C-alpha atoms as a PDB file:
ATOM      1  CA  MET A   1       0.000   0.000   0.000  1.00  0.00           C
ATOM      2  CA  GLN A   2       2.979   2.280  -0.473  1.00  0.00           C
ATOM      3  CA  ALA A   3       1.215   4.157  -3.329  1.00  0.00           C
ATOM      4  CA  LEU A   4      -1.835   4.756  -1.123  1.00  0.00           C
ATOM      5  CA  ASP A   5       0.306   6.003   1.774  1.00  0.00           C
ATOM      6  CA  ARG A   6       2.180   8.433  -0.499  1.00  0.00           C
ATOM      7  CA  PHE A   7      -1.011   9.791  -2.078  1.00  0.00           C
ATOM      8  CA  LEU A   8      -2.808  10.198   1.269  1.00  0.00           C
ATOM      9  CA  SER A   9       0.253  11.826   2.831  1.00  0.00           C
ATOM     10  CA  LEU A  10       0.310  14.473   0.095  1.00  0.00           C
ATOM     11  CA  ALA A  11      -3.463  14.951   0.211  1.00  0.00           C
ATOM     12  CA  GLY A  12      -3.540  15.226   4.003  1.00  0.00           C
ATOM     13  CA  ALA A  13      -0.725  17.776   4.059  1.00  0.00           C
ATOM     14  CA  ALA A  14      -2.469  19.848   1.369  1.00  0.00           C
ATOM     15  CA  VAL A  15      -5.814  19.785   3.177  1.00  0.00           C
ATOM     16  CA  ALA A  16      -4.243  20.735   6.515  1.00  0.00           C
ATOM     17  CA  ALA A  17      -2.213  23.557   4.960  1.00  0.00           C
ATOM     18  CA  ARG A  18      -4.918  25.029   2.716  1.00  0.00           C
ATOM     19  CA  ALA A  19      -8.148  24.709   4.711  1.00  0.00           C
ATOM     20  CA  THR A  20      -9.001  28.127   6.133  1.00  0.00           C
ATOM     21  CA  GLY A  21     -11.927  29.815   7.819  1.00  0.00           C
ATOM     22  CA  ALA A  22     -14.869  27.501   8.515  1.00  0.00           C
ATOM     23  CA  ALA A  23     -13.012  24.665   6.747  1.00  0.00           C
ATOM     24  CA  TRP A  24      -9.975  24.849   9.058  1.00  0.00           C
ATOM     25  CA  PRO A  25     -11.252  22.521  11.834  1.00  0.00           C
ATOM     26  CA  ALA A  26     -12.409  19.946   9.269  1.00  0.00           C
ATOM     27  CA  GLY A  27      -9.066  20.131   7.463  1.00  0.00           C
ATOM     28  CA  GLN A  28      -7.199  19.501  10.695  1.00  0.00           C
ATOM     29  CA  ARG A  29      -9.467  16.532  11.497  1.00  0.00           C
ATOM     30  CA  VAL A  30      -8.892  15.055   8.032  1.00  0.00           C
ATOM     31  CA  ALA A  31      -5.112  15.282   8.499  1.00  0.00           C
ATOM     32  CA  ALA A  32      -5.319  13.724  11.976  1.00  0.00           C
ATOM     33  CA  LEU A  33      -7.581  10.883  10.830  1.00  0.00           C
ATOM     34  CA  LEU A  34      -5.308  10.155   7.870  1.00  0.00           C
ATOM     35  CA  SER A  35      -2.502   9.514  10.357  1.00  0.00           C
ATOM     36  CA  SER A  36      -4.626   6.873  12.158  1.00  0.00           C
ATOM     37  CA  PRO A  37      -3.342   3.314  11.901  1.00  0.00           C
ATOM     38  CA  PRO A  38      -4.697   1.589   8.786  1.00  0.00           C
ATOM     39  CA  GLU A  39      -7.299  -1.123   9.205  1.00  0.00           C
ATOM     40  CA  ASN A  40      -8.451  -3.755   6.741  1.00  0.00           C
ATOM     41  CA  ALA A  41     -11.223  -3.017   4.274  1.00  0.00           C
ATOM     42  CA  ALA A  42     -13.002  -5.070   1.607  1.00  0.00           C
ATOM     43  CA  PRO A  43     -12.147  -3.344  -1.672  1.00  0.00           C
ATOM     44  CA  ALA A  44     -13.847  -4.295  -4.910  1.00  0.00           C
ATOM     45  CA  PRO A  45     -11.638  -5.512  -7.747  1.00  0.00           C
ATOM     46  CA  ALA A  46      -9.811  -2.714  -9.548  1.00  0.00           C
ATOM     47  CA  GLY A  47     -11.303  -1.607 -12.831  1.00  0.00           C
ATOM     48  CA  ARG A  48     -12.101   1.432 -14.941  1.00  0.00           C
ATOM     49  CA  GLN A  49     -15.273   3.081 -16.237  1.00  0.00           C
ATOM     50  CA  PRO A  50     -15.773   4.897 -19.576  1.00  0.00           C
ATOM     51  CA  ALA A  51     -15.292   8.312 -17.903  1.00  0.00           C
ATOM     52  CA  CYS A  52     -11.716   7.287 -17.042  1.00  0.00           C
ATOM     53  CA  ARG A  53     -10.771   8.272 -20.606  1.00  0.00           C
ATOM     54  CA  HIS A  54     -10.613  11.795 -19.117  1.00  0.00           C
ATOM     55  CA  LEU A  55      -7.942  10.894 -16.537  1.00  0.00           C
ATOM     56  CA  THR A  56      -4.965  11.900 -18.682  1.00  0.00           C
ATOM     57  CA  ALA A  57      -6.383  15.388 -19.303  1.00  0.00           C
ATOM     58  CA  ALA A  58      -7.251  15.776 -15.611  1.00  0.00           C
ATOM     59  CA  LEU A  59      -3.791  14.668 -14.485  1.00  0.00           C
ATOM     60  CA  ASN A  60      -2.165  17.078 -16.948  1.00  0.00           C
ATOM     61  CA  ALA A  61      -3.902  19.838 -14.953  1.00  0.00           C
ATOM     62  CA  THR A  62      -2.873  18.394 -11.557  1.00  0.00           C
ATOM     63  CA  PRO A  63       0.204  19.590  -9.619  1.00  0.00           C
ATOM     64  CA  PRO A  64       3.113  17.272 -10.605  1.00  0.00           C
ATOM     65  CA  ALA A  65       3.822  15.588  -7.250  1.00  0.00           C
ATOM     66  CA  MET A  66       0.146  14.837  -6.680  1.00  0.00           C
ATOM     67  CA  ALA A  67      -0.294  13.629 -10.286  1.00  0.00           C
ATOM     68  CA  GLU A  68       2.662  11.263  -9.913  1.00  0.00           C
ATOM     69  CA  ALA A  69       1.317   9.874  -6.624  1.00  0.00           C
ATOM     70  CA  PHE A  70      -2.145   9.435  -8.139  1.00  0.00           C
ATOM     71  CA  ARG A  71      -0.781   7.648 -11.226  1.00  0.00           C
ATOM     72  CA  ALA A  72       0.924   5.122  -8.914  1.00  0.00           C
ATOM     73  CA  LEU A  73      -2.320   4.572  -6.957  1.00  0.00           C
ATOM     74  CA  GLU A  74      -4.810   4.531  -9.836  1.00  0.00           C
ATOM     75  CA  PRO A  75      -4.302   0.896 -10.975  1.00  0.00           C
ATOM     76  CA  GLN A  76      -5.584  -0.226  -7.534  1.00  0.00           C
ATOM     77  CA  LEU A  77      -8.836   1.753  -7.751  1.00  0.00           C
ATOM     78  CA  ALA A  78     -12.250   0.176  -8.325  1.00  0.00           C
ATOM     79  CA  TRP A  79     -13.898   2.866 -10.445  1.00  0.00           C
ATOM     80  CA  ARG A  80     -17.687   3.012 -10.373  1.00  0.00           C
ATOM     81  CA  THR A  81     -20.293   5.080 -12.121  1.00  0.00           C
ATOM     82  CA  ARG A  82     -23.571   6.541 -10.846  1.00  0.00           C
ATOM     83  CA  ASP A  83     -26.975   5.907 -12.413  1.00  0.00           C
ATOM     84  CA  LEU A  84     -27.986   9.570 -12.510  1.00  0.00           C
ATOM     85  CA  PRO A  85     -29.346  11.594 -15.448  1.00  0.00           C
ATOM     86  CA  GLY A  86     -26.603  13.181 -17.562  1.00  0.00           C
ATOM     87  CA  LEU A  87     -23.745  11.160 -16.084  1.00  0.00           C
ATOM     88  CA  ASP A  88     -23.725   8.155 -18.419  1.00  0.00           C
ATOM     89  CA  GLY A  89     -20.065   7.704 -19.337  1.00  0.00           C
ATOM     90  CA  ARG A  90     -19.251  11.162 -17.960  1.00  0.00           C
ATOM     91  CA  TYR A  91     -18.602  10.412 -14.272  1.00  0.00           C
ATOM     92  CA  ALA A  92     -16.523   7.867 -12.387  1.00  0.00           C
ATOM     93  CA  GLY A  93     -15.787   7.582  -8.706  1.00  0.00           C
ATOM     94  CA  ALA A  94     -13.525   5.288  -6.722  1.00  0.00           C
ATOM     95  CA  PRO A  95     -13.568   4.524  -2.984  1.00  0.00           C
ATOM     96  CA  VAL A  96     -10.224   5.074  -1.268  1.00  0.00           C
ATOM     97  CA  LEU A  97     -10.949   4.875   2.470  1.00  0.00           C
ATOM     98  CA  GLY A  98     -13.858   3.235   4.236  1.00  0.00           C
ATOM     99  CA  PRO A  99     -15.432  -0.224   4.338  1.00  0.00           C
ATOM    100  CA  GLN A 100     -15.277  -0.581   0.520  1.00  0.00           C
ATOM    101  CA  GLY A 101     -12.069   1.388   0.080  1.00  0.00           C
ATOM    102  CA  LEU A 102      -8.490   0.211   0.031  1.00  0.00           C
ATOM    103  CA  GLN A 103      -8.173   0.753   3.803  1.00  0.00           C
ATOM    104  CA  GLN A 104     -10.034   2.178   6.768  1.00  0.00           C
ATOM    105  CA  ARG A 105      -8.580   4.957   8.914  1.00  0.00           C
ATOM    106  CA  GLY A 106     -10.289   6.412  11.947  1.00  0.00           C
ATOM    107  CA  GLY A 107     -13.799   6.321  10.477  1.00  0.00           C
ATOM    108  CA  LEU A 108     -12.865   8.708   7.647  1.00  0.00           C
ATOM    109  CA  VAL A 109     -14.501   7.887   4.307  1.00  0.00           C
ATOM    110  CA  ALA A 110     -12.715   9.126   1.171  1.00  0.00           C
ATOM    111  CA  GLY A 111     -13.014   8.716  -2.538  1.00  0.00           C
ATOM    112  CA  ILE A 112     -12.002  10.082  -5.906  1.00  0.00           C
ATOM    113  CA  SER A 113     -14.422  11.859  -8.253  1.00  0.00           C
ATOM    114  CA  LEU A 114     -13.814  12.373 -11.959  1.00  0.00           C
ATOM    115  CA  VAL A 115     -16.296  14.534 -13.883  1.00  0.00           C
ATOM    116  CA  ALA A 116     -15.975  15.015 -17.655  1.00  0.00           C
ATOM    117  CA  PRO A 117     -15.644  18.512 -19.143  1.00  0.00           C
ATOM    118  CA  GLY A 118     -18.980  20.280 -19.457  1.00  0.00           C
ATOM    119  CA  THR A 119     -20.698  17.846 -17.067  1.00  0.00           C
ATOM    120  CA  THR A 120     -22.417  18.724 -13.790  1.00  0.00           C
ATOM    121  CA  TYR A 121     -22.627  16.208 -10.972  1.00  0.00           C
ATOM    122  CA  PRO A 122     -26.145  16.943  -9.703  1.00  0.00           C
ATOM    123  CA  ASP A 123     -27.173  18.717  -6.530  1.00  0.00           C
ATOM    124  CA  HIS A 124     -27.056  16.408  -3.524  1.00  0.00           C
ATOM    125  CA  ASP A 125     -26.569  16.494   0.230  1.00  0.00           C
ATOM    126  CA  HIS A 126     -25.525  14.144   2.994  1.00  0.00           C
ATOM    127  CA  PRO A 127     -25.206  14.295   6.776  1.00  0.00           C
ATOM    128  CA  PRO A 128     -21.398  14.134   7.049  1.00  0.00           C
ATOM    129  CA  GLU A 129     -19.254  17.234   6.756  1.00  0.00           C
ATOM    130  CA  GLU A 130     -17.135  17.078   3.602  1.00  0.00           C
ATOM    131  CA  ILE A 131     -13.801  18.425   2.383  1.00  0.00           C
ATOM    132  CA  TYR A 132     -12.690  18.241  -1.240  1.00  0.00           C
ATOM    133  CA  LEU A 133      -9.131  18.684  -2.407  1.00  0.00           C
ATOM    134  CA  ALA A 134      -9.287  19.742  -6.061  1.00  0.00           C
ATOM    135  CA  LEU A 135      -6.634  17.910  -8.021  1.00  0.00           C
ATOM    136  CA  SER A 136      -7.436  19.529 -11.392  1.00  0.00           C
ATOM    137  CA  GLY A 137      -9.803  22.267 -12.512  1.00  0.00           C
ATOM    138  CA  GLY A 138     -13.537  22.289 -11.994  1.00  0.00           C
ATOM    139  CA  GLU A 139     -16.156  24.313 -10.190  1.00  0.00           C
ATOM    140  CA  TRP A 140     -18.115  23.752  -6.998  1.00  0.00           C
ATOM    141  CA  TRP A 141     -21.316  25.223  -5.619  1.00  0.00           C
ATOM    142  CA  ASN A 142     -23.226  24.893  -2.386  1.00  0.00           C
ATOM    143  CA  ALA A 143     -26.344  26.545  -1.010  1.00  0.00           C
ATOM    144  CA  ALA A 144     -24.185  29.084   0.859  1.00  0.00           C
ATOM    145  CA  THR A 145     -21.717  29.963  -1.942  1.00  0.00           C
ATOM    146  CA  PRO A 146     -21.954  30.680  -5.677  1.00  0.00           C
ATOM    147  CA  TRP A 147     -20.158  28.538  -8.265  1.00  0.00           C
ATOM    148  CA  HIS A 148     -16.408  28.960  -7.826  1.00  0.00           C
ATOM    149  CA  ALA A 149     -13.202  27.402  -9.084  1.00  0.00           C
ATOM    150  CA  PRO A 150     -10.701  26.748  -6.270  1.00  0.00           C
ATOM    151  CA  GLY A 151      -8.060  25.611  -8.797  1.00  0.00           C
ATOM    152  CA  PRO A 152      -5.718  22.644  -8.485  1.00  0.00           C
ATOM    153  CA  GLY A 153      -4.768  22.218  -4.835  1.00  0.00           C
ATOM    154  CA  GLY A 154      -7.783  24.258  -3.678  1.00  0.00           C
ATOM    155  CA  ILE A 155     -10.120  23.254  -0.869  1.00  0.00           C
ATOM    156  CA  VAL A 156     -13.917  23.024  -0.942  1.00  0.00           C
ATOM    157  CA  HIS A 157     -15.816  22.665   2.322  1.00  0.00           C
ATOM    158  CA  ASN A 158     -19.417  21.479   2.604  1.00  0.00           C
ATOM    159  CA  PRO A 159     -20.985  21.724   6.065  1.00  0.00           C
ATOM    160  CA  PRO A 160     -23.190  18.798   7.137  1.00  0.00           C
ATOM    161  CA  GLY A 161     -26.454  18.530   5.206  1.00  0.00           C
ATOM    162  CA  ILE A 162     -25.838  21.406   2.767  1.00  0.00           C
ATOM    163  CA  LEU A 163     -27.010  21.053  -0.837  1.00  0.00           C
ATOM    164  CA  HIS A 164     -24.004  21.071  -3.177  1.00  0.00           C
ATOM    165  CA  ALA A 165     -22.816  20.183  -6.694  1.00  0.00           C
ATOM    166  CA  MET A 166     -19.683  20.157  -8.849  1.00  0.00           C
ATOM    167  CA  ARG A 167     -18.887  20.326 -12.541  1.00  0.00           C
ATOM    168  CA  GLY A 168     -16.128  19.844 -15.046  1.00  0.00           C
ATOM    169  CA  THR A 169     -15.254  22.932 -17.049  1.00  0.00           C
ATOM    170  CA  ASP A 170     -12.882  23.008 -20.029  1.00  0.00           C
ATOM    171  CA  VAL A 171     -10.839  20.339 -18.219  1.00  0.00           C
ATOM    172  CA  PRO A 172     -12.173  17.346 -16.305  1.00  0.00           C
ATOM    173  CA  LEU A 173     -12.745  17.777 -12.590  1.00  0.00           C
ATOM    174  CA  LEU A 174     -10.601  15.391 -10.560  1.00  0.00           C
ATOM    175  CA  ALA A 175     -10.811  15.585  -6.770  1.00  0.00           C
ATOM    176  CA  ILE A 176     -10.444  13.573  -3.605  1.00  0.00           C
ATOM    177  CA  TRP A 177     -13.218  14.024  -1.085  1.00  0.00           C
ATOM    178  CA  PHE A 178     -13.331  13.220   2.607  1.00  0.00           C
ATOM    179  CA  LEU A 179     -16.497  12.587   4.629  1.00  0.00           C
ATOM    180  CA  LEU A 180     -15.769  13.172   8.292  1.00  0.00           C
ATOM    181  CA  PRO A 181     -17.136  10.865  10.987  1.00  0.00           C
ATOM    182  CA  PRO A 182     -19.294  12.406  13.709  1.00  0.00           C
ATOM    183  CA  VAL A 183     -17.373  14.047  16.536  1.00  0.00           C
END
């Protein structure tokens, strides 16, 4: 799991360093939970979805160290799609941490999202607080903020239960997201 450790180390450091304002406590929790001892999970077999054809373009827009770490990890990922209108062949996600991820760490659930250019992942909400680390371009929206582009390495924070969405722009959106366990 050396590739996973390297990728999560970079992601955790970026989240801890870049989360500010209301996102700061969540960013610190993500970093702390990522340093928890790994536990076994039950990952699905690795495999790709049609949307993965956009990975090269997304990684070309990702900071080099993070892109390199992701390329080493990607062959282990079990990419999935979502049966939602407008996403057919235009979205893929892969669990990283959690019961179906590659490992479990401190109750943190994490995954990768890949959204094709010009595609919006629909409005949704969920109880856990969420932090995204943008790996490439893309835009995010939630009920408290207008659409915005944090840029590669940027942080997006969604408080618990808030309606939110994301979309690919002229480049695919590639991001890792973290759902925090209850305090």
